[in-house]
């Protein structure tokens, strides 16, 4: 009994001496990633490249200037920004296939489909929730809840403000029942793509899908952002 009591007192002493403050977060920056590295794309679509949070020695902006497209020859990509940190790399004119490269390393391969699938239907949204967790490491988030699961071929959902400006986006996949379009990941992610905004409760927003061929769906009906 004395031994047990001594161990209990020792444990209390250790716990009392511990620093109970939140552990420091690792450093996060932004890195470029091809969301679907091998894809059949539409002639009016392309490969989808995103800026995503990634642990790094220091927070730094991703450098897209070194990325190149190889079709019949190597050249600068024809890119179209569709949301903060999200862009479409279009096929070179007349190319049946192409690769996306950085310093000689292939980051993505695409074939231009002769008969791509139809564009996805507009998302039907039941709720858009903007709030914060109550955990020790607080996460600020915005989550979109479709009325039905994400359709086959969907790889991202873009949130758009009442003025028609894309403000954030989230990765998704077939059958997903929700899409997180903004998250601070326990307070560790503090660097976001230029133009990213947090949808606030009371604001009106719409959303659209991006599919694996690099095309966007029609926009959803407007909906009001709510609290959790």
C-alpha atoms as a PDB file:
ATOM      1  CA  UNK A   1       0.000   0.000   0.000  1.00  0.00           C
ATOM      2  CA  UNK A   2       2.820   2.395   0.844  1.00  0.00           C
ATOM      3  CA  UNK A   3       4.435   1.686  -2.524  1.00  0.00           C
ATOM      4  CA  UNK A   4       1.181   2.346  -4.375  1.00  0.00           C
ATOM      5  CA  UNK A   5       0.641   5.587  -2.467  1.00  0.00           C
ATOM      6  CA  UNK A   6       4.202   6.699  -3.227  1.00  0.00           C
ATOM      7  CA  UNK A   7       3.716   6.012  -6.948  1.00  0.00           C
ATOM      8  CA  UNK A   8       0.440   7.927  -6.926  1.00  0.00           C
ATOM      9  CA  UNK A   9       2.058  10.936  -5.269  1.00  0.00           C
ATOM     10  CA  UNK A  10       4.937  10.781  -7.753  1.00  0.00           C
ATOM     11  CA  UNK A  11       2.498  10.722 -10.677  1.00  0.00           C
ATOM     12  CA  UNK A  12       0.669  13.744  -9.290  1.00  0.00           C
ATOM     13  CA  UNK A  13       3.974  15.584  -8.921  1.00  0.00           C
ATOM     14  CA  UNK A  14       4.960  14.807 -12.531  1.00  0.00           C
ATOM     15  CA  UNK A  15       1.581  15.916 -13.879  1.00  0.00           C
ATOM     16  CA  UNK A  16       1.718  19.101 -11.836  1.00  0.00           C
ATOM     17  CA  UNK A  17       5.166  19.926 -13.211  1.00  0.00           C
ATOM     18  CA  UNK A  18       4.223  19.391 -16.874  1.00  0.00           C
ATOM     19  CA  UNK A  19       3.630  22.364 -19.165  1.00  0.00           C
ATOM     20  CA  UNK A  20      -0.065  22.046 -19.981  1.00  0.00           C
ATOM     21  CA  UNK A  21      -0.016  24.657 -22.728  1.00  0.00           C
ATOM     22  CA  UNK A  22      -0.822  23.570 -26.270  1.00  0.00           C
ATOM     23  CA  UNK A  23       2.092  21.938 -28.032  1.00  0.00           C
ATOM     24  CA  UNK A  24       3.603  24.083 -30.802  1.00  0.00           C
ATOM     25  CA  UNK A  25       2.411  23.351 -34.337  1.00  0.00           C
ATOM     26  CA  UNK A  26       4.784  22.226 -37.069  1.00  0.00           C
ATOM     27  CA  UNK A  27       5.481  24.824 -39.752  1.00  0.00           C
ATOM     28  CA  UNK A  28       3.100  24.671 -42.721  1.00  0.00           C
ATOM     29  CA  UNK A  29       3.553  26.245 -46.116  1.00  0.00           C
ATOM     30  CA  UNK A  30       1.817  25.748 -49.460  1.00  0.00           C
ATOM     31  CA  UNK A  31       2.862  23.202 -52.071  1.00  0.00           C
ATOM     32  CA  UNK A  32       1.647  22.620 -55.620  1.00  0.00           C
ATOM     33  CA  UNK A  33      -0.092  19.312 -56.285  1.00  0.00           C
ATOM     34  CA  UNK A  34      -1.881  17.834 -59.305  1.00  0.00           C
ATOM     35  CA  UNK A  35      -5.183  16.585 -57.890  1.00  0.00           C
ATOM     36  CA  UNK A  36      -5.535  13.808 -60.485  1.00  0.00           C
ATOM     37  CA  UNK A  37      -1.976  13.078 -61.763  1.00  0.00           C
ATOM     38  CA  UNK A  38      -3.193  10.768 -64.541  1.00  0.00           C
ATOM     39  CA  UNK A  39      -6.429  11.750 -66.212  1.00  0.00           C
ATOM     40  CA  UNK A  40      -8.458  11.807 -69.377  1.00  0.00           C
ATOM     41  CA  UNK A  41      -9.312  15.473 -69.767  1.00  0.00           C
ATOM     42  CA  UNK A  42     -11.699  17.489 -71.897  1.00  0.00           C
ATOM     43  CA  UNK A  43     -10.394  19.788 -74.616  1.00  0.00           C
ATOM     44  CA  UNK A  44     -12.054  22.658 -72.730  1.00  0.00           C
ATOM     45  CA  UNK A  45     -10.766  21.348 -69.378  1.00  0.00           C
ATOM     46  CA  UNK A  46      -7.340  20.126 -68.320  1.00  0.00           C
ATOM     47  CA  UNK A  47      -5.255  18.966 -65.375  1.00  0.00           C
ATOM     48  CA  UNK A  48      -6.225  20.499 -62.035  1.00  0.00           C
ATOM     49  CA  UNK A  49      -3.344  21.944 -59.989  1.00  0.00           C
ATOM     50  CA  UNK A  50      -3.870  23.067 -56.399  1.00  0.00           C
ATOM     51  CA  UNK A  51      -1.975  24.863 -53.667  1.00  0.00           C
ATOM     52  CA  UNK A  52      -2.278  22.605 -50.613  1.00  0.00           C
ATOM     53  CA  UNK A  53      -0.957  22.903 -47.026  1.00  0.00           C
ATOM     54  CA  UNK A  54       2.270  20.985 -46.540  1.00  0.00           C
ATOM     55  CA  UNK A  55       4.686  20.757 -43.612  1.00  0.00           C
ATOM     56  CA  UNK A  56       7.828  22.708 -44.446  1.00  0.00           C
ATOM     57  CA  UNK A  57      10.951  24.173 -42.874  1.00  0.00           C
ATOM     58  CA  UNK A  58       9.534  27.619 -43.533  1.00  0.00           C
ATOM     59  CA  UNK A  59       6.280  29.033 -44.838  1.00  0.00           C
ATOM     60  CA  UNK A  60       6.757  30.069 -48.441  1.00  0.00           C
ATOM     61  CA  UNK A  61       4.598  30.720 -51.475  1.00  0.00           C
ATOM     62  CA  UNK A  62       4.594  27.989 -54.144  1.00  0.00           C
ATOM     63  CA  UNK A  63       6.441  28.840 -57.362  1.00  0.00           C
ATOM     64  CA  UNK A  64       4.427  27.971 -60.458  1.00  0.00           C
ATOM     65  CA  UNK A  65       6.827  29.762 -62.817  1.00  0.00           C
ATOM     66  CA  UNK A  66       8.995  26.642 -63.232  1.00  0.00           C
ATOM     67  CA  UNK A  67       6.144  24.368 -64.322  1.00  0.00           C
ATOM     68  CA  UNK A  68       6.023  23.485 -68.025  1.00  0.00           C
ATOM     69  CA  UNK A  69       3.753  21.576 -70.379  1.00  0.00           C
ATOM     70  CA  UNK A  70       5.067  19.080 -72.915  1.00  0.00           C
ATOM     71  CA  UNK A  71       2.885  18.391 -75.934  1.00  0.00           C
ATOM     72  CA  UNK A  72       4.573  18.439 -79.330  1.00  0.00           C
ATOM     73  CA  UNK A  73       7.188  20.592 -77.590  1.00  0.00           C
ATOM     74  CA  UNK A  74       7.996  21.942 -74.135  1.00  0.00           C
ATOM     75  CA  UNK A  75       6.522  25.304 -73.224  1.00  0.00           C
ATOM     76  CA  UNK A  76       4.818  27.477 -70.649  1.00  0.00           C
ATOM     77  CA  UNK A  77       1.414  26.191 -69.516  1.00  0.00           C
ATOM     78  CA  UNK A  78      -1.856  27.805 -70.491  1.00  0.00           C
ATOM     79  CA  UNK A  79      -3.500  28.035 -67.080  1.00  0.00           C
ATOM     80  CA  UNK A  80      -6.855  29.302 -65.900  1.00  0.00           C
ATOM     81  CA  UNK A  81      -7.372  30.282 -62.246  1.00  0.00           C
ATOM     82  CA  UNK A  82     -10.755  29.073 -60.996  1.00  0.00           C
ATOM     83  CA  UNK A  83     -10.425  29.692 -57.244  1.00  0.00           C
ATOM     84  CA  UNK A  84      -7.769  30.853 -54.770  1.00  0.00           C
ATOM     85  CA  UNK A  85      -5.013  28.257 -55.078  1.00  0.00           C
ATOM     86  CA  UNK A  86      -6.804  26.225 -57.761  1.00  0.00           C
ATOM     87  CA  UNK A  87      -6.111  26.330 -61.490  1.00  0.00           C
ATOM     88  CA  UNK A  88      -6.719  24.353 -64.668  1.00  0.00           C
ATOM     89  CA  UNK A  89      -3.790  23.567 -66.987  1.00  0.00           C
ATOM     90  CA  UNK A  90      -5.267  23.465 -70.462  1.00  0.00           C
ATOM     91  CA  UNK A  91      -4.130  21.034 -73.176  1.00  0.00           C
ATOM     92  CA  UNK A  92      -1.722  22.490 -75.760  1.00  0.00           C
ATOM     93  CA  UNK A  93      -3.474  23.331 -79.030  1.00  0.00           C
ATOM     94  CA  UNK A  94      -3.953  20.229 -81.168  1.00  0.00           C
ATOM     95  CA  UNK A  95      -2.359  17.863 -78.642  1.00  0.00           C
ATOM     96  CA  UNK A  96      -3.832  14.394 -78.107  1.00  0.00           C
ATOM     97  CA  UNK A  97      -1.885  14.057 -74.856  1.00  0.00           C
ATOM     98  CA  UNK A  98       0.479  16.099 -72.715  1.00  0.00           C
ATOM     99  CA  UNK A  99       2.546  16.032 -69.538  1.00  0.00           C
ATOM    100  CA  UNK A 100       3.047  18.604 -66.816  1.00  0.00           C
ATOM    101  CA  UNK A 101       6.676  18.854 -65.713  1.00  0.00           C
ATOM    102  CA  UNK A 102       8.904  20.641 -63.210  1.00  0.00           C
ATOM    103  CA  UNK A 103      12.671  20.576 -63.749  1.00  0.00           C
ATOM    104  CA  UNK A 104      12.335  17.455 -65.890  1.00  0.00           C
ATOM    105  CA  UNK A 105      10.132  15.591 -63.394  1.00  0.00           C
ATOM    106  CA  UNK A 106       6.669  14.600 -64.591  1.00  0.00           C
ATOM    107  CA  UNK A 107       3.947  15.808 -62.219  1.00  0.00           C
ATOM    108  CA  UNK A 108       0.929  14.901 -64.322  1.00  0.00           C
ATOM    109  CA  UNK A 109      -0.081  13.072 -67.496  1.00  0.00           C
ATOM    110  CA  UNK A 110      -3.237  13.638 -69.499  1.00  0.00           C
ATOM    111  CA  UNK A 111      -4.948  12.361 -72.602  1.00  0.00           C
ATOM    112  CA  UNK A 112      -7.463  14.573 -74.348  1.00  0.00           C
ATOM    113  CA  UNK A 113     -10.679  12.559 -74.465  1.00  0.00           C
ATOM    114  CA  UNK A 114     -12.465  12.458 -77.810  1.00  0.00           C
ATOM    115  CA  UNK A 115     -15.794  11.996 -76.039  1.00  0.00           C
ATOM    116  CA  UNK A 116     -15.528  13.230 -72.430  1.00  0.00           C
ATOM    117  CA  UNK A 117     -18.424  12.513 -70.063  1.00  0.00           C
ATOM    118  CA  UNK A 118     -21.114  15.175 -69.628  1.00  0.00           C
ATOM    119  CA  UNK A 119     -20.348  17.982 -67.207  1.00  0.00           C
ATOM    120  CA  UNK A 120     -21.514  17.373 -63.655  1.00  0.00           C
ATOM    121  CA  UNK A 121     -24.888  18.747 -62.547  1.00  0.00           C
ATOM    122  CA  UNK A 122     -25.013  21.763 -60.253  1.00  0.00           C
ATOM    123  CA  UNK A 123     -24.571  20.790 -56.607  1.00  0.00           C
ATOM    124  CA  UNK A 124     -27.677  20.837 -54.438  1.00  0.00           C
ATOM    125  CA  UNK A 125     -26.619  22.180 -51.036  1.00  0.00           C
ATOM    126  CA  UNK A 126     -28.484  21.548 -47.786  1.00  0.00           C
ATOM    127  CA  UNK A 127     -26.185  23.520 -45.450  1.00  0.00           C
ATOM    128  CA  UNK A 128     -22.991  25.562 -45.370  1.00  0.00           C
ATOM    129  CA  UNK A 129     -21.640  25.698 -41.815  1.00  0.00           C
ATOM    130  CA  UNK A 130     -19.016  28.188 -40.603  1.00  0.00           C
ATOM    131  CA  UNK A 131     -17.665  27.809 -37.082  1.00  0.00           C
ATOM    132  CA  UNK A 132     -14.914  26.722 -34.716  1.00  0.00           C
ATOM    133  CA  UNK A 133     -14.282  23.566 -32.726  1.00  0.00           C
ATOM    134  CA  UNK A 134     -14.247  23.658 -28.926  1.00  0.00           C
ATOM    135  CA  UNK A 135     -11.238  21.362 -28.628  1.00  0.00           C
ATOM    136  CA  UNK A 136      -7.895  22.287 -27.065  1.00  0.00           C
ATOM    137  CA  UNK A 137      -6.481  22.989 -30.522  1.00  0.00           C
ATOM    138  CA  UNK A 138      -9.200  25.149 -32.079  1.00  0.00           C
ATOM    139  CA  UNK A 139      -9.974  24.629 -35.758  1.00  0.00           C
ATOM    140  CA  UNK A 140     -11.722  27.359 -37.740  1.00  0.00           C
ATOM    141  CA  UNK A 141     -13.679  25.709 -40.539  1.00  0.00           C
ATOM    142  CA  UNK A 142     -16.280  26.029 -43.283  1.00  0.00           C
ATOM    143  CA  UNK A 143     -18.025  22.821 -44.366  1.00  0.00           C
ATOM    144  CA  UNK A 144     -20.472  22.331 -47.230  1.00  0.00           C
ATOM    145  CA  UNK A 145     -23.138  19.622 -46.948  1.00  0.00           C
ATOM    146  CA  UNK A 146     -24.652  18.534 -50.286  1.00  0.00           C
ATOM    147  CA  UNK A 147     -28.151  17.062 -50.223  1.00  0.00           C
ATOM    148  CA  UNK A 148     -26.708  14.045 -52.048  1.00  0.00           C
ATOM    149  CA  UNK A 149     -23.246  12.497 -52.067  1.00  0.00           C
ATOM    150  CA  UNK A 150     -20.633  13.987 -54.389  1.00  0.00           C
ATOM    151  CA  UNK A 151     -21.192  12.685 -57.934  1.00  0.00           C
ATOM    152  CA  UNK A 152     -18.809  10.335 -59.697  1.00  0.00           C
ATOM    153  CA  UNK A 153     -15.873  12.240 -61.146  1.00  0.00           C
ATOM    154  CA  UNK A 154     -16.015  15.199 -58.744  1.00  0.00           C
ATOM    155  CA  UNK A 155     -12.579  16.120 -57.366  1.00  0.00           C
ATOM    156  CA  UNK A 156     -13.184  19.574 -55.843  1.00  0.00           C
ATOM    157  CA  UNK A 157     -15.941  21.928 -54.726  1.00  0.00           C
ATOM    158  CA  UNK A 158     -15.531  25.701 -55.026  1.00  0.00           C
ATOM    159  CA  UNK A 159     -17.394  28.140 -52.762  1.00  0.00           C
ATOM    160  CA  UNK A 160     -18.420  31.485 -54.293  1.00  0.00           C
ATOM    161  CA  UNK A 161     -19.545  34.673 -52.540  1.00  0.00           C
ATOM    162  CA  UNK A 162     -22.644  36.716 -53.327  1.00  0.00           C
ATOM    163  CA  UNK A 163     -20.696  38.866 -55.815  1.00  0.00           C
ATOM    164  CA  UNK A 164     -19.646  35.820 -57.837  1.00  0.00           C
ATOM    165  CA  UNK A 165     -16.062  35.657 -56.555  1.00  0.00           C
ATOM    166  CA  UNK A 166     -14.620  32.226 -55.638  1.00  0.00           C
ATOM    167  CA  UNK A 167     -13.382  32.452 -52.038  1.00  0.00           C
ATOM    168  CA  UNK A 168     -12.312  28.923 -51.070  1.00  0.00           C
ATOM    169  CA  UNK A 169     -12.397  25.323 -52.199  1.00  0.00           C
ATOM    170  CA  UNK A 170     -12.087  21.795 -50.881  1.00  0.00           C
ATOM    171  CA  UNK A 171     -10.996  18.444 -52.226  1.00  0.00           C
ATOM    172  CA  UNK A 172     -13.655  15.767 -52.594  1.00  0.00           C
ATOM    173  CA  UNK A 173     -14.266  12.371 -54.148  1.00  0.00           C
ATOM    174  CA  UNK A 174     -17.021  10.052 -55.287  1.00  0.00           C
ATOM    175  CA  UNK A 175     -19.638   9.577 -52.576  1.00  0.00           C
ATOM    176  CA  UNK A 176     -18.425  12.244 -50.120  1.00  0.00           C
ATOM    177  CA  UNK A 177     -21.275  13.544 -47.943  1.00  0.00           C
ATOM    178  CA  UNK A 178     -19.520  16.810 -47.016  1.00  0.00           C
ATOM    179  CA  UNK A 179     -16.682  18.992 -48.278  1.00  0.00           C
ATOM    180  CA  UNK A 180     -14.429  21.069 -46.032  1.00  0.00           C
ATOM    181  CA  UNK A 181     -13.653  24.219 -48.020  1.00  0.00           C
ATOM    182  CA  UNK A 182     -11.696  26.004 -45.277  1.00  0.00           C
ATOM    183  CA  UNK A 183      -9.823  24.652 -42.249  1.00  0.00           C
ATOM    184  CA  UNK A 184      -7.028  25.810 -39.969  1.00  0.00           C
ATOM    185  CA  UNK A 185      -6.318  22.175 -38.955  1.00  0.00           C
ATOM    186  CA  UNK A 186      -6.130  22.672 -35.215  1.00  0.00           C
ATOM    187  CA  UNK A 187      -4.708  26.166 -35.621  1.00  0.00           C
ATOM    188  CA  UNK A 188      -1.587  24.843 -37.361  1.00  0.00           C
ATOM    189  CA  UNK A 189      -2.469  26.019 -40.884  1.00  0.00           C
ATOM    190  CA  UNK A 190      -2.188  29.792 -41.039  1.00  0.00           C
ATOM    191  CA  UNK A 191      -0.940  30.272 -44.617  1.00  0.00           C
ATOM    192  CA  UNK A 192      -3.606  30.272 -47.323  1.00  0.00           C
ATOM    193  CA  UNK A 193      -3.642  30.992 -51.039  1.00  0.00           C
ATOM    194  CA  UNK A 194      -4.073  34.644 -51.996  1.00  0.00           C
ATOM    195  CA  UNK A 195      -7.743  35.555 -52.171  1.00  0.00           C
ATOM    196  CA  UNK A 196      -8.941  32.884 -49.738  1.00  0.00           C
ATOM    197  CA  UNK A 197     -11.761  34.098 -47.495  1.00  0.00           C
ATOM    198  CA  UNK A 198     -13.791  32.549 -44.675  1.00  0.00           C
ATOM    199  CA  UNK A 199     -17.506  32.444 -45.433  1.00  0.00           C
ATOM    200  CA  UNK A 200     -19.241  34.005 -42.429  1.00  0.00           C
ATOM    201  CA  UNK A 201     -22.636  33.074 -40.949  1.00  0.00           C
ATOM    202  CA  UNK A 202     -25.370  35.138 -42.576  1.00  0.00           C
ATOM    203  CA  UNK A 203     -23.567  35.503 -45.911  1.00  0.00           C
ATOM    204  CA  UNK A 204     -25.074  34.169 -49.130  1.00  0.00           C
ATOM    205  CA  UNK A 205     -22.951  31.780 -51.189  1.00  0.00           C
ATOM    206  CA  UNK A 206     -23.123  29.364 -54.111  1.00  0.00           C
ATOM    207  CA  UNK A 207     -20.895  26.443 -55.089  1.00  0.00           C
ATOM    208  CA  UNK A 208     -19.829  24.436 -58.131  1.00  0.00           C
ATOM    209  CA  UNK A 209     -18.058  21.129 -58.736  1.00  0.00           C
ATOM    210  CA  UNK A 210     -14.779  20.607 -60.586  1.00  0.00           C
ATOM    211  CA  UNK A 211     -14.566  17.208 -62.269  1.00  0.00           C
ATOM    212  CA  UNK A 212     -11.609  15.001 -63.170  1.00  0.00           C
ATOM    213  CA  UNK A 213     -11.620  16.288 -66.767  1.00  0.00           C
ATOM    214  CA  UNK A 214     -10.987  19.832 -65.502  1.00  0.00           C
ATOM    215  CA  UNK A 215     -14.445  21.262 -66.162  1.00  0.00           C
ATOM    216  CA  UNK A 216     -16.781  23.090 -63.803  1.00  0.00           C
ATOM    217  CA  UNK A 217     -20.439  22.368 -63.210  1.00  0.00           C
ATOM    218  CA  UNK A 218     -23.194  24.975 -63.185  1.00  0.00           C
ATOM    219  CA  UNK A 219     -23.523  26.823 -59.876  1.00  0.00           C
ATOM    220  CA  UNK A 220     -25.821  25.760 -57.073  1.00  0.00           C
ATOM    221  CA  UNK A 221     -28.755  27.820 -55.889  1.00  0.00           C
ATOM    222  CA  UNK A 222     -27.748  30.532 -53.368  1.00  0.00           C
ATOM    223  CA  UNK A 223     -27.786  29.503 -49.719  1.00  0.00           C
ATOM    224  CA  UNK A 224     -27.171  31.328 -46.435  1.00  0.00           C
ATOM    225  CA  UNK A 225     -24.173  30.282 -44.325  1.00  0.00           C
ATOM    226  CA  UNK A 226     -25.164  29.168 -40.814  1.00  0.00           C
ATOM    227  CA  UNK A 227     -23.479  28.632 -37.449  1.00  0.00           C
ATOM    228  CA  UNK A 228     -22.869  25.074 -36.163  1.00  0.00           C
END
